[in-house]
Protein backbone atom coordinates (compact mmCIF):
# COMPACT_ATOMS: atom_id res chain seq x y z
CA UNK A 1 25.79 -7.45 -5.69
CA UNK A 2 22.59 -7.18 -5.52
CA UNK A 3 20.59 -11.41 -7.18
CA UNK A 4 16.79 -10.64 -8.68
CA UNK A 5 14.44 -13.23 -9.05
CA UNK A 6 11.29 -12.40 -10.64
CA UNK A 7 7.79 -14.81 -10.41
CA UNK A 8 3.94 -13.84 -10.72
CA UNK A 9 4.47 -14.49 -14.52
CA UNK A 10 1.52 -17.08 -15.72
CA UNK A 11 -1.28 -18.66 -18.47
CA UNK A 12 -3.52 -15.83 -18.66
CA UNK A 13 -6.23 -14.96 -20.54
CA UNK A 14 -6.82 -11.53 -23.24
CA UNK A 15 -8.73 -9.45 -21.50
CA UNK A 16 -6.54 -10.68 -17.86
CA UNK A 17 -4.24 -9.21 -14.98
CA UNK A 18 -1.35 -10.96 -14.18
CA UNK A 19 0.73 -9.39 -10.69
CA UNK A 20 4.45 -9.47 -11.08
CA UNK A 21 6.78 -9.05 -8.28
CA UNK A 22 10.53 -9.35 -8.01
CA UNK A 23 12.59 -9.53 -5.34
CA UNK A 24 15.94 -8.48 -4.35
CA UNK A 25 19.08 -10.46 -1.68
CA UNK A 26 19.32 -7.65 -0.54
CA UNK A 27 16.92 -4.04 0.22
CA UNK A 28 17.66 -1.93 -2.64
CA UNK A 29 18.62 2.32 -1.58
CA UNK A 30 15.68 4.38 -2.91
CA UNK A 31 18.25 6.48 -4.50
CA UNK A 32 19.21 3.60 -7.17
CA UNK A 33 15.85 2.80 -9.30
CA UNK A 34 14.37 -0.08 -10.59
CA UNK A 35 13.25 -1.04 -13.83
CA UNK A 36 10.74 -4.04 -15.69
CA UNK A 37 12.10 -4.53 -19.88
CA UNK A 38 10.52 -7.89 -21.21
CA UNK A 39 12.25 -10.43 -24.64
CA UNK A 40 9.42 -11.54 -27.11
CA UNK A 41 10.22 -14.39 -29.00
CA UNK A 42 12.67 -12.84 -31.94
CA UNK A 43 12.38 -9.64 -30.80
CA UNK A 44 15.65 -7.42 -28.38
CA UNK A 45 15.40 -6.70 -25.02
CA UNK A 46 12.66 -3.47 -24.52
CA UNK A 47 11.86 -1.61 -21.27
CA UNK A 48 8.78 -1.87 -19.94
CA UNK A 49 8.09 0.38 -16.59
CA UNK A 50 10.60 2.14 -14.32
CA UNK A 51 10.63 4.09 -10.73
CA UNK A 52 12.89 6.09 -8.79
CA UNK A 53 12.87 8.00 -5.77
CA UNK A 54 10.29 10.13 -4.45
CA UNK A 55 8.41 7.61 -6.18
CA UNK A 56 9.53 8.68 -10.17
CA UNK A 57 6.94 6.81 -12.06
CA UNK A 58 7.50 5.87 -16.66
CA UNK A 59 6.21 3.79 -19.27
CA UNK A 60 6.51 2.91 -22.31
CA UNK A 61 4.22 4.00 -24.32
CA UNK A 62 3.00 0.73 -25.43
CA UNK A 63 1.89 -0.49 -21.47
CA UNK A 64 0.95 3.30 -19.84
CA UNK A 65 -2.53 2.11 -18.63
CA UNK A 66 -2.26 -0.55 -18.14
CA UNK A 67 0.53 -1.39 -15.99
CA UNK A 68 1.49 -0.14 -13.13
CA UNK A 69 4.84 -0.65 -11.42
CA UNK A 70 5.48 -0.38 -7.70
CA UNK A 71 7.84 -0.68 -4.09
CA UNK A 72 8.50 -1.52 -0.70
CA UNK A 73 8.49 1.36 1.83
CA UNK A 74 11.14 -1.16 2.79
CA UNK A 75 12.91 -1.50 -0.22
CA UNK A 76 13.83 -4.74 -1.42
CA UNK A 77 11.08 -5.16 -3.97
CA UNK A 78 9.13 -4.09 -6.48
CA UNK A 79 6.00 -5.12 -8.13
CA UNK A 80 4.11 -4.78 -11.58
CA UNK A 81 0.21 -4.68 -11.86
CA UNK A 82 -0.15 -5.83 -15.53
CA UNK A 83 -4.04 -5.67 -16.14
CA UNK A 84 -5.97 -5.76 -19.54
CA UNK A 85 -3.38 -8.29 -20.95
CA UNK A 86 -2.98 -8.30 -24.27
CA UNK A 87 -0.94 -11.19 -26.90
CA UNK A 88 1.38 -8.57 -27.34
CA UNK A 89 2.06 -8.23 -24.07
CA UNK A 90 3.71 -12.16 -24.34
CA UNK A 91 6.67 -12.09 -23.26
CA UNK A 92 9.90 -12.79 -20.66
CA UNK A 93 10.13 -10.06 -17.74
CA UNK A 94 13.19 -9.18 -16.96
CA UNK A 95 13.41 -6.67 -13.50
CA UNK A 96 17.16 -5.37 -13.93
CA UNK A 97 18.67 -2.08 -10.70
CA UNK A 98 20.69 0.72 -11.81
CA UNK A 99 24.91 0.57 -10.35
CA UNK A 100 24.37 2.91 -7.13
CA UNK A 101 25.24 2.82 -3.85
CA UNK A 102 25.42 -0.71 -2.62
CA UNK A 103 26.51 -2.26 -6.18
CA UNK A 104 27.05 -2.06 -10.20
CA UNK A 105 23.26 -2.84 -12.74
CA UNK A 106 22.23 -6.30 -12.52
CA UNK A 107 19.70 -8.36 -13.88
CA UNK A 108 17.25 -11.36 -12.63
CA UNK A 109 16.58 -14.49 -14.96
CA UNK A 110 13.05 -13.17 -16.08
CA UNK A 111 9.61 -14.70 -15.64
CA UNK A 112 7.43 -15.65 -18.39
CA UNK A 113 3.74 -13.79 -19.19
CA UNK A 114 2.10 -15.40 -21.85
CA UNK A 115 -1.60 -14.03 -22.47
CA UNK A 116 -3.63 -16.37 -24.38
CA UNK A 117 -6.87 -18.41 -25.66
């Protein structure tokens, strides 16, 4: 089973930027979509963004135009560029890979993003 490790979280002021990275322990076939989710305190985990084959991307309405998902050409990493961050973006951000060639679905352990002045 692939292991996923997120990094890049931290404390940032409103309007600031961060870039999250999710590194996989093995190369992930392009046919296996990779997603970012987030979970704020007291709330359920929610979908943030996804990237699939042919660079297909999808975003939650709340982050469109501010967050950008991308993926390595040697696909063992997925990134989330976060601009114009808002306090409501504060959450633990998790990486997820869909089941497919090479193994089952897998979650990372998350990285904390805090947006506060």
